[in-house]
Amino acid sequence: MSQKDYYSILGVSKDASEGELKGAFRKLARQHHPDVSKDKGAQDKFKEINEAYQVLSDPQKRQHYDRFGSAEGFDFQGAGGAGGFGDIFSHFGGMGDILENFGFGDMFGGGRQSGGSRTSGGKRRGEDIRVDQTLTLEEAAHGVEKEIHVRNLDKCPDCNGTGSRSKKAATTCNTCGGRGEVRQTRQSILGTISTVTPCPHCHGEGQTISDPCPTCSGAGRSARSRNIKVKIPAGIDSGSRLRVSGEGNMGQRGGEQGDLYVYIEIKHHPVYEREGDNLSSKQAVLFTQAALGDEIDVETIFGKVSLKIPTGTQPGTVFRLKGKGMPHLHSHGHGDLFVSVVIETPKHLSADEKTVLEYFSKIRKENTAFSKSADVSTRMKKMLGK
C-alpha cells in the first residue's frame, strides 16, 4: 500500500481531536459519496476518505501511522472496518439504513450481520446472555460469592452438537455455496442495485442437515439450566455489570462460546442512603446529650464506632466519619459516613424530671444566667442530690 497523508486527505491537523476527525469525515463523506457526487472519481475519493478515517479514528492504528507513516498491514475490508458498512453510514443519520438497504454497503464488500458473528464454514459465535442479581448493601460492602442460576443453550446431548439425528456432518448449502447469503441484482432509477440477504434455504448458516435431530431441530444446541458461582467484588453498585467469559450460549457449528453478563441491583437499606461510595444515616440523641455533650456509639456498615457529641449540638448537625462508607471498587480505601443528628424528645416524664424541666424553663424565661447564679446553682445541686 502506498504511503498517504491521511491528515491532508481529511483536511485536519496532526493533533486533531476525535470530534474534529469525525466532523471532517462527515463533511467530506457527504460531499463525495457516489450517490451524491457527479464526479467520475467520487467512488475512489470516498474510499480514500473512509480509509483515512478508519486509521485516524482508531487510537492504535493512528499511533502506528504517526510512528511509521504507513498503514501497511491494516485491514480495510468493508467501508466500516470491523463495524461493517452500516457504521460508516451511521454518520448520515436515518439515510444510513436506506443507503445500505439499497446495496451501497455491498459496493464496498460490507453488510450487516445479526445475532452472533459468523465466520467461514458456518461457524457463529454464541449469543451473550444476561442475568440480574440483587444484593443487600452489606453484601455489596463486604463482597460476596453468589450462586447464580443460569439458563443457556449448550451442546445438544442427543446429537452431540452435530444437529443431525444420525450424527452425520453437515453439508455445504447448494443454494448459497456455503456463504450463508445470496445476492440479488435488480434495476432501479439509480442504476443496477445489488442486495445481499441471508440464504432462505440454510437460513444464513451456509450448511444444511439432511436428517435434523428432533431434540434440537438441527441447531445442535438445546437449553439447559445450571448454577454457577460468581465472585462479586466489594464496593459494587447498582447498574454495574460483571462479565463471566464463556458462560453464554454455545457457538454454532463450532463457533466461540458467548459470555454471561451479571447485572447488579442493590436493595434499599432501611438505615443508610448511598451516594457513590459515601453513606449517610440519622442518629437520635437525647436533648440533654445534645445540650451537655456526650460520647455515643454509632452503627456503621462495618460495626460500631464512638462519636463525640459536642456541647450545644443542634438538630440536623452532620458529623463526618472518614473511611466508614463503602469500599472503592477495584481500589484501596473507603468513602465516608455522614451522620445527621436528630434530637429525641421524651414522650413521658417522671415527676422529678418534670420538676427539673419546669424549673429550667422558668430560668430561661427570666433570662437568668444559670452558670453565674450562685443561689440558683445551690438550689439545683440540692434538688439533684449533689
Protein backbone atom coordinates (compact mmCIF):
# COMPACT_ATOMS: atom_id res chain seq x y z
CA MET A 1 0.00 0.00 0.00
CA SER A 2 1.43 3.39 -1.00
CA GLN A 3 2.03 5.96 1.71
CA LYS A 4 -0.76 8.51 2.03
CA ASP A 5 -1.13 11.64 4.11
CA TYR A 6 -4.36 10.82 5.90
CA TYR A 7 -4.40 14.14 7.74
CA SER A 8 -4.29 16.04 4.43
CA ILE A 9 -7.00 13.79 2.97
CA LEU A 10 -9.35 14.73 5.81
CA GLY A 11 -8.08 18.32 5.94
CA VAL A 12 -7.16 18.27 9.64
CA SER A 13 -4.01 18.91 11.65
CA LYS A 14 -1.92 16.13 13.18
CA ASP A 15 -3.19 16.98 16.67
CA ALA A 16 -6.87 16.90 15.62
CA SER A 17 -9.26 15.65 18.29
CA GLU A 18 -11.70 12.79 17.84
CA GLY A 19 -14.54 15.26 17.36
CA GLU A 20 -12.61 17.20 14.70
CA LEU A 21 -11.84 13.97 12.83
CA LYS A 22 -15.47 12.89 12.89
CA GLY A 23 -16.69 16.31 11.75
CA ALA A 24 -14.23 16.41 8.85
CA PHE A 25 -15.12 12.88 7.79
CA ARG A 26 -18.87 13.51 7.83
CA LYS A 27 -18.47 16.66 5.76
CA LEU A 28 -16.25 15.04 3.11
CA ALA A 29 -18.27 11.80 3.03
CA ARG A 30 -21.46 13.70 2.25
CA GLN A 31 -19.67 15.69 -0.45
CA HIS A 32 -18.00 12.75 -2.23
CA HIS A 33 -20.48 9.90 -1.72
CA PRO A 34 -21.06 8.21 -5.12
CA ASP A 35 -24.80 8.60 -4.75
CA VAL A 36 -24.43 12.36 -4.33
CA SER A 37 -21.38 13.44 -6.31
CA LYS A 38 -21.43 13.52 -10.12
CA ASP A 39 -17.62 13.33 -10.23
CA LYS A 40 -16.38 10.20 -12.00
CA GLY A 41 -13.76 9.66 -9.31
CA ALA A 42 -16.23 10.04 -6.44
CA GLN A 43 -16.20 6.37 -5.53
CA ASP A 44 -12.40 6.22 -5.29
CA LYS A 45 -12.34 9.50 -3.37
CA PHE A 46 -14.95 8.22 -0.94
CA LYS A 47 -12.92 5.07 -0.35
CA GLU A 48 -9.82 7.17 0.30
CA ILE A 49 -11.67 9.38 2.81
CA ASN A 50 -13.04 6.35 4.60
CA GLU A 51 -9.62 4.68 4.69
CA ALA A 52 -8.11 7.79 6.27
CA TYR A 53 -10.87 7.98 8.87
CA GLN A 54 -10.58 4.28 9.75
CA VAL A 55 -6.92 4.74 10.60
CA LEU A 56 -7.04 8.10 12.40
CA SER A 57 -10.17 7.33 14.41
CA ASP A 58 -8.60 4.18 15.86
CA PRO A 59 -6.04 5.14 18.57
CA GLN A 60 -3.87 2.06 17.95
CA LYS A 61 -3.85 2.45 14.18
CA ARG A 62 -3.25 6.19 14.48
CA GLN A 63 -0.26 5.64 16.77
CA HIS A 64 1.21 3.15 14.28
CA TYR A 65 0.60 5.54 11.37
CA ASP A 66 2.13 8.54 13.22
CA ARG A 67 5.19 6.50 14.05
CA PHE A 68 5.84 4.76 10.73
CA GLY A 69 3.95 6.99 8.27
CA SER A 70 2.26 3.98 6.74
CA ALA A 71 -0.97 1.99 7.08
CA GLU A 72 0.62 -1.22 5.85
CA GLY A 73 -0.90 -4.27 7.50
CA PHE A 74 -4.24 -2.65 8.32
CA ASP A 75 -7.44 -4.42 7.29
CA PHE A 76 -9.70 -2.26 5.13
CA GLN A 77 -12.26 -4.84 4.04
CA GLY A 78 -15.67 -3.19 4.05
CA ALA A 79 -16.18 0.52 4.32
CA GLY A 80 -16.63 0.42 8.04
CA GLY A 81 -13.77 -1.81 9.16
CA ALA A 82 -14.78 -4.25 11.87
CA GLY A 83 -18.06 -2.48 12.42
CA GLY A 84 -19.33 -3.06 8.89
CA PHE A 85 -20.52 -0.57 6.33
CA GLY A 86 -23.53 0.33 8.42
CA ASP A 87 -21.22 2.03 10.95
CA ILE A 88 -19.95 4.41 8.30
CA PHE A 89 -23.46 5.15 7.06
CA SER A 90 -24.47 5.89 10.65
CA HIS A 91 -22.80 9.29 10.17
CA PHE A 92 -25.57 10.15 7.70
CA GLY A 93 -28.39 9.72 10.24
CA GLY A 94 -31.51 7.89 9.05
CA MET A 95 -30.23 7.77 5.45
CA GLY A 96 -27.64 5.18 6.51
CA ASP A 97 -30.13 2.31 6.70
CA ILE A 98 -31.78 3.37 3.43
CA LEU A 99 -28.49 3.53 1.54
CA GLU A 100 -27.29 0.21 2.87
CA ASN A 101 -30.62 -1.48 2.15
CA PHE A 102 -30.28 -0.37 -1.47
CA GLY A 103 -27.00 -2.22 -1.70
CA PHE A 104 -24.39 0.55 -1.36
CA GLY A 105 -22.82 -1.35 1.53
CA ASP A 106 -22.21 -4.25 -0.82
CA MET A 107 -20.36 -1.92 -3.18
CA PHE A 108 -17.53 -1.95 -0.65
CA GLY A 109 -17.85 -5.55 0.50
CA GLY A 110 -19.69 -4.66 3.70
CA GLY A 111 -23.05 -5.65 5.07
CA ARG A 112 -24.59 -6.26 8.46
CA GLN A 113 -24.80 -9.41 10.47
CA SER A 114 -27.35 -10.18 13.12
CA GLY A 115 -27.08 -12.39 16.18
CA GLY A 116 -23.68 -13.97 16.83
CA SER A 117 -20.89 -13.06 14.41
CA ARG A 118 -20.50 -15.55 11.57
CA THR A 119 -17.17 -16.84 10.27
CA SER A 120 -16.27 -19.11 7.36
CA GLY A 121 -17.62 -22.65 7.42
CA GLY A 122 -20.90 -21.60 9.03
CA LYS A 123 -19.32 -21.01 12.46
CA ARG A 124 -21.18 -18.50 14.56
CA ARG A 125 -20.24 -17.11 17.95
CA GLY A 126 -22.76 -17.91 20.66
CA GLU A 127 -25.02 -15.14 21.94
CA ASP A 128 -24.26 -13.37 25.21
CA ILE A 129 -26.85 -13.81 27.95
CA ARG A 130 -27.91 -11.63 30.89
CA VAL A 131 -28.78 -12.45 34.50
CA ASP A 132 -29.97 -9.91 37.09
CA GLN A 133 -28.66 -10.28 40.65
CA THR A 134 -29.93 -8.38 43.71
CA LEU A 135 -27.62 -7.76 46.69
CA THR A 136 -28.01 -6.25 50.14
CA LEU A 137 -25.91 -3.22 50.98
CA GLU A 138 -23.92 -5.33 53.44
CA GLU A 139 -23.09 -7.85 50.70
CA ALA A 140 -22.01 -5.04 48.40
CA ALA A 141 -19.85 -3.56 51.19
CA HIS A 142 -18.00 -6.76 52.04
CA GLY A 143 -18.02 -8.54 48.67
CA VAL A 144 -19.73 -11.89 48.25
CA GLU A 145 -19.73 -15.08 46.22
CA LYS A 146 -23.18 -15.83 44.80
CA GLU A 147 -24.52 -18.99 43.25
CA ILE A 148 -26.42 -17.80 40.19
CA HIS A 149 -29.00 -19.77 38.24
CA VAL A 150 -28.20 -19.70 34.52
CA ARG A 151 -30.29 -21.00 31.62
CA ASN A 152 -28.43 -21.08 28.32
CA LEU A 153 -28.03 -23.02 25.08
CA ASP A 154 -25.45 -25.78 25.26
CA LYS A 155 -24.40 -28.76 23.15
CA CYS A 156 -27.38 -30.97 22.40
CA PRO A 157 -26.88 -34.22 24.34
CA ASP A 158 -28.69 -36.34 21.75
CA CYS A 159 -26.71 -35.35 18.66
CA ASN A 160 -23.56 -34.17 20.47
CA GLY A 161 -23.85 -30.78 18.79
CA THR A 162 -23.88 -32.00 15.19
CA GLY A 163 -27.57 -31.17 14.68
CA SER A 164 -28.02 -34.48 12.87
CA ARG A 165 -30.10 -37.43 14.07
CA SER A 166 -27.54 -39.87 12.64
CA LYS A 167 -24.70 -37.54 13.73
CA LYS A 168 -23.63 -37.06 10.13
CA ALA A 169 -21.67 -33.94 9.33
CA ALA A 170 -23.49 -31.03 7.78
CA THR A 171 -23.09 -30.48 4.04
CA THR A 172 -22.46 -27.25 2.17
CA CYS A 173 -25.64 -25.47 1.15
CA ASN A 174 -26.20 -25.77 -2.62
CA THR A 175 -28.15 -22.52 -2.78
CA CYS A 176 -25.50 -20.18 -1.40
CA GLY A 177 -22.40 -22.31 -1.81
CA GLY A 178 -21.63 -22.13 1.90
CA ARG A 179 -21.61 -18.33 2.09
CA GLY A 180 -24.83 -18.16 4.09
CA GLU A 181 -26.15 -15.31 1.94
CA VAL A 182 -27.45 -14.76 -1.55
CA ARG A 183 -27.02 -11.78 -3.84
CA GLN A 184 -29.86 -10.31 -5.88
CA THR A 185 -29.38 -7.76 -8.64
CA ARG A 186 -32.12 -5.52 -9.97
CA GLN A 187 -32.52 -2.35 -11.97
CA SER A 188 -33.75 0.87 -10.38
CA ILE A 189 -33.78 4.58 -11.14
CA LEU A 190 -30.33 4.69 -9.53
CA GLY A 191 -28.97 2.03 -11.87
CA THR A 192 -28.07 -1.58 -11.13
CA ILE A 193 -28.59 -2.34 -7.45
CA SER A 194 -27.22 -5.41 -5.67
CA THR A 195 -28.61 -6.58 -2.35
CA VAL A 196 -27.35 -9.33 -0.09
CA THR A 197 -29.78 -11.29 2.12
CA PRO A 198 -29.50 -14.42 4.31
CA CYS A 199 -29.87 -17.61 2.33
CA PRO A 200 -33.52 -18.77 2.56
CA HIS A 201 -32.50 -22.43 2.31
CA CYS A 202 -29.92 -22.68 5.11
CA HIS A 203 -31.10 -19.54 6.97
CA GLY A 204 -27.66 -17.99 6.83
CA GLU A 205 -25.76 -20.99 8.19
CA GLY A 206 -24.02 -21.96 4.94
CA GLN A 207 -24.67 -25.61 5.72
CA THR A 208 -27.64 -27.97 5.65
CA ILE A 209 -28.54 -31.14 7.52
CA SER A 210 -30.47 -33.93 5.78
CA ASP A 211 -31.76 -35.60 8.99
CA PRO A 212 -32.16 -32.95 11.70
CA CYS A 213 -32.04 -34.02 15.34
CA PRO A 214 -35.58 -33.96 16.79
CA THR A 215 -34.35 -32.65 20.14
CA CYS A 216 -32.66 -29.50 18.85
CA SER A 217 -34.34 -29.30 15.39
CA GLY A 218 -30.94 -29.41 13.74
CA ALA A 219 -29.47 -26.45 15.63
CA GLY A 220 -27.00 -28.59 17.57
CA ARG A 221 -27.94 -26.69 20.72
CA SER A 222 -30.53 -27.22 23.41
CA ALA A 223 -31.49 -25.37 26.58
CA ARG A 224 -30.03 -26.34 29.92
CA SER A 225 -30.18 -24.96 33.45
CA ARG A 226 -27.39 -24.93 35.99
CA ASN A 227 -25.92 -22.95 38.86
CA ILE A 228 -22.54 -21.26 38.68
CA LYS A 229 -20.61 -19.37 41.37
CA VAL A 230 -19.74 -15.74 40.69
CA LYS A 231 -17.47 -13.63 42.89
CA ILE A 232 -18.85 -10.12 43.36
CA PRO A 233 -16.25 -7.54 44.47
CA ALA A 234 -16.68 -5.21 47.44
CA GLY A 235 -17.92 -1.71 46.59
CA ILE A 236 -20.09 -2.70 43.63
CA ASP A 237 -23.14 -0.51 42.97
CA SER A 238 -26.47 -0.73 41.19
CA GLY A 239 -26.08 -0.60 37.41
CA SER A 240 -22.71 -2.36 37.44
CA ARG A 241 -22.29 -5.48 35.34
CA LEU A 242 -19.88 -8.36 35.64
CA ARG A 243 -18.69 -10.33 32.61
CA VAL A 244 -18.19 -14.06 33.03
CA SER A 245 -16.34 -15.26 29.94
CA GLY A 246 -17.57 -18.33 28.09
CA GLU A 247 -20.73 -18.85 30.14
CA GLY A 248 -23.19 -17.66 27.48
CA ASN A 249 -24.78 -19.63 24.67
CA MET A 250 -22.77 -22.24 22.83
CA GLY A 251 -21.47 -21.20 19.43
CA GLN A 252 -22.99 -22.82 16.36
CA ARG A 253 -21.00 -25.14 14.12
CA GLY A 254 -18.01 -24.95 16.47
CA GLY A 255 -18.17 -21.20 16.97
CA GLU A 256 -16.88 -19.43 20.07
CA GLN A 257 -18.95 -19.56 23.28
CA GLY A 258 -20.82 -16.40 24.24
CA ASP A 259 -20.42 -14.62 27.60
CA LEU A 260 -22.60 -14.19 30.66
CA TYR A 261 -23.28 -10.67 31.95
CA VAL A 262 -24.45 -10.29 35.55
CA TYR A 263 -26.29 -7.00 36.16
CA ILE A 264 -26.26 -5.80 39.77
CA GLU A 265 -29.08 -4.16 41.72
CA ILE A 266 -28.63 -3.09 45.38
CA LYS A 267 -31.65 -3.32 47.69
CA HIS A 268 -32.85 -0.23 49.52
CA HIS A 269 -31.41 -0.13 53.05
CA PRO A 270 -33.60 0.95 56.00
CA VAL A 271 -30.74 2.85 57.71
CA TYR A 272 -28.23 4.02 55.11
CA GLU A 273 -28.58 6.11 51.98
CA ARG A 274 -25.85 5.66 49.39
CA GLU A 275 -24.34 8.26 47.10
CA GLY A 276 -21.37 6.86 45.21
CA ASP A 277 -19.05 5.43 47.85
CA ASN A 278 -20.42 7.68 50.63
CA LEU A 279 -23.17 6.68 53.05
CA SER A 280 -25.46 8.82 55.18
CA SER A 281 -27.59 7.96 58.21
CA LYS A 282 -29.51 9.60 61.05
CA GLN A 283 -28.61 9.30 64.73
CA ALA A 284 -31.05 10.02 67.56
CA VAL A 285 -29.60 11.70 70.70
CA LEU A 286 -31.34 12.94 73.84
CA PHE A 287 -31.76 16.68 74.10
CA THR A 288 -29.71 16.55 77.31
CA GLN A 289 -26.85 14.82 75.43
CA ALA A 290 -27.01 17.49 72.73
CA ALA A 291 -27.07 20.28 75.32
CA LEU A 292 -24.43 18.95 77.71
CA GLY A 293 -22.30 16.92 75.24
CA ASP A 294 -21.65 13.20 75.35
CA GLU A 295 -19.85 10.30 73.68
CA ILE A 296 -22.10 7.75 71.99
CA ASP A 297 -21.85 4.57 69.91
CA VAL A 298 -22.84 4.85 66.24
CA GLU A 299 -23.59 1.90 63.96
CA THR A 300 -21.67 1.78 60.66
CA ILE A 301 -21.84 -0.77 57.86
CA PHE A 302 -18.75 -2.39 59.41
CA GLY A 303 -19.74 -2.23 63.10
CA LYS A 304 -19.97 0.25 65.97
CA VAL A 305 -17.67 3.25 66.40
CA SER A 306 -17.51 6.00 69.04
CA LEU A 307 -18.74 9.52 68.21
CA LYS A 308 -18.22 12.59 70.42
CA ILE A 309 -21.23 14.90 70.63
CA PRO A 310 -20.04 18.43 71.48
CA THR A 311 -21.88 20.64 73.98
CA GLY A 312 -24.69 22.61 72.34
CA THR A 313 -25.10 20.32 69.32
CA GLN A 314 -28.08 21.46 67.25
CA PRO A 315 -30.67 19.34 65.38
CA GLY A 316 -29.51 18.48 61.86
CA THR A 317 -25.81 18.79 62.68
CA VAL A 318 -23.88 16.43 60.40
CA PHE A 319 -20.77 14.57 61.54
CA ARG A 320 -18.37 13.01 59.03
CA LEU A 321 -16.89 9.64 59.89
CA LYS A 322 -13.99 9.35 57.49
CA GLY A 323 -13.44 5.98 55.83
CA LYS A 324 -16.63 4.44 57.23
CA GLY A 325 -18.50 4.35 53.92
CA MET A 326 -18.42 1.87 51.02
CA PRO A 327 -15.14 0.42 49.70
CA HIS A 328 -13.80 1.90 46.48
CA LEU A 329 -14.43 -0.64 43.74
CA HIS A 330 -11.18 -2.26 42.49
CA SER A 331 -9.02 0.13 44.55
CA HIS A 332 -7.95 0.84 48.11
CA GLY A 333 -9.80 2.97 50.63
CA HIS A 334 -13.40 3.71 51.53
CA GLY A 335 -15.89 6.50 51.21
CA ASP A 336 -17.23 8.36 54.27
CA LEU A 337 -20.26 8.04 56.52
CA PHE A 338 -22.21 11.25 57.21
CA VAL A 339 -24.26 11.10 60.42
CA SER A 340 -27.09 13.61 60.85
CA VAL A 341 -28.22 14.34 64.44
CA VAL A 342 -31.90 14.00 65.35
CA ILE A 343 -32.81 15.38 68.79
CA GLU A 344 -35.02 12.93 70.66
CA THR A 345 -37.68 14.44 72.92
CA PRO A 346 -39.04 12.15 75.69
CA LYS A 347 -42.77 11.44 75.43
CA HIS A 348 -43.21 10.61 79.13
CA LEU A 349 -41.58 12.37 82.12
CA SER A 350 -41.32 11.32 85.73
CA ALA A 351 -42.34 13.78 88.43
CA ASP A 352 -38.73 14.70 89.20
CA GLU A 353 -37.89 15.13 85.53
CA LYS A 354 -40.92 17.35 85.05
CA THR A 355 -39.95 19.48 88.09
CA VAL A 356 -36.39 19.96 86.83
CA LEU A 357 -37.53 20.90 83.32
CA GLU A 358 -40.16 23.33 84.63
CA TYR A 359 -37.52 25.00 86.76
CA PHE A 360 -35.16 25.10 83.78
CA SER A 361 -37.90 26.66 81.65
CA LYS A 362 -38.56 29.30 84.29
CA ILE A 363 -34.89 30.24 84.44
CA ARG A 364 -34.71 30.52 80.65
CA LYS A 365 -37.76 32.72 80.54
CA GLU A 366 -36.34 35.03 83.17
CA ASN A 367 -33.15 35.10 81.11
CA THR A 368 -31.10 34.23 84.23
CA ALA A 369 -27.53 33.17 83.66
CA PHE A 370 -27.61 29.61 85.02
CA SER A 371 -23.84 29.23 85.35
CA LYS A 372 -23.39 32.59 87.16
CA SER A 373 -26.20 32.41 89.72
CA ALA A 374 -24.80 31.00 92.95
CA ASP A 375 -28.26 30.89 94.53
CA VAL A 376 -29.80 29.00 91.63
CA SER A 377 -26.78 26.72 91.37
CA THR A 378 -27.02 25.80 95.06
CA ARG A 379 -30.72 25.05 94.85
CA MET A 380 -30.32 22.92 91.72
CA LYS A 381 -27.49 20.89 93.23
CA LYS A 382 -29.56 20.28 96.35
CA MET A 383 -32.50 19.18 94.20
CA LEU A 384 -30.28 16.80 92.23
CA GLY A 385 -28.75 15.42 95.44
CA LYS A 386 -25.24 16.70 94.77
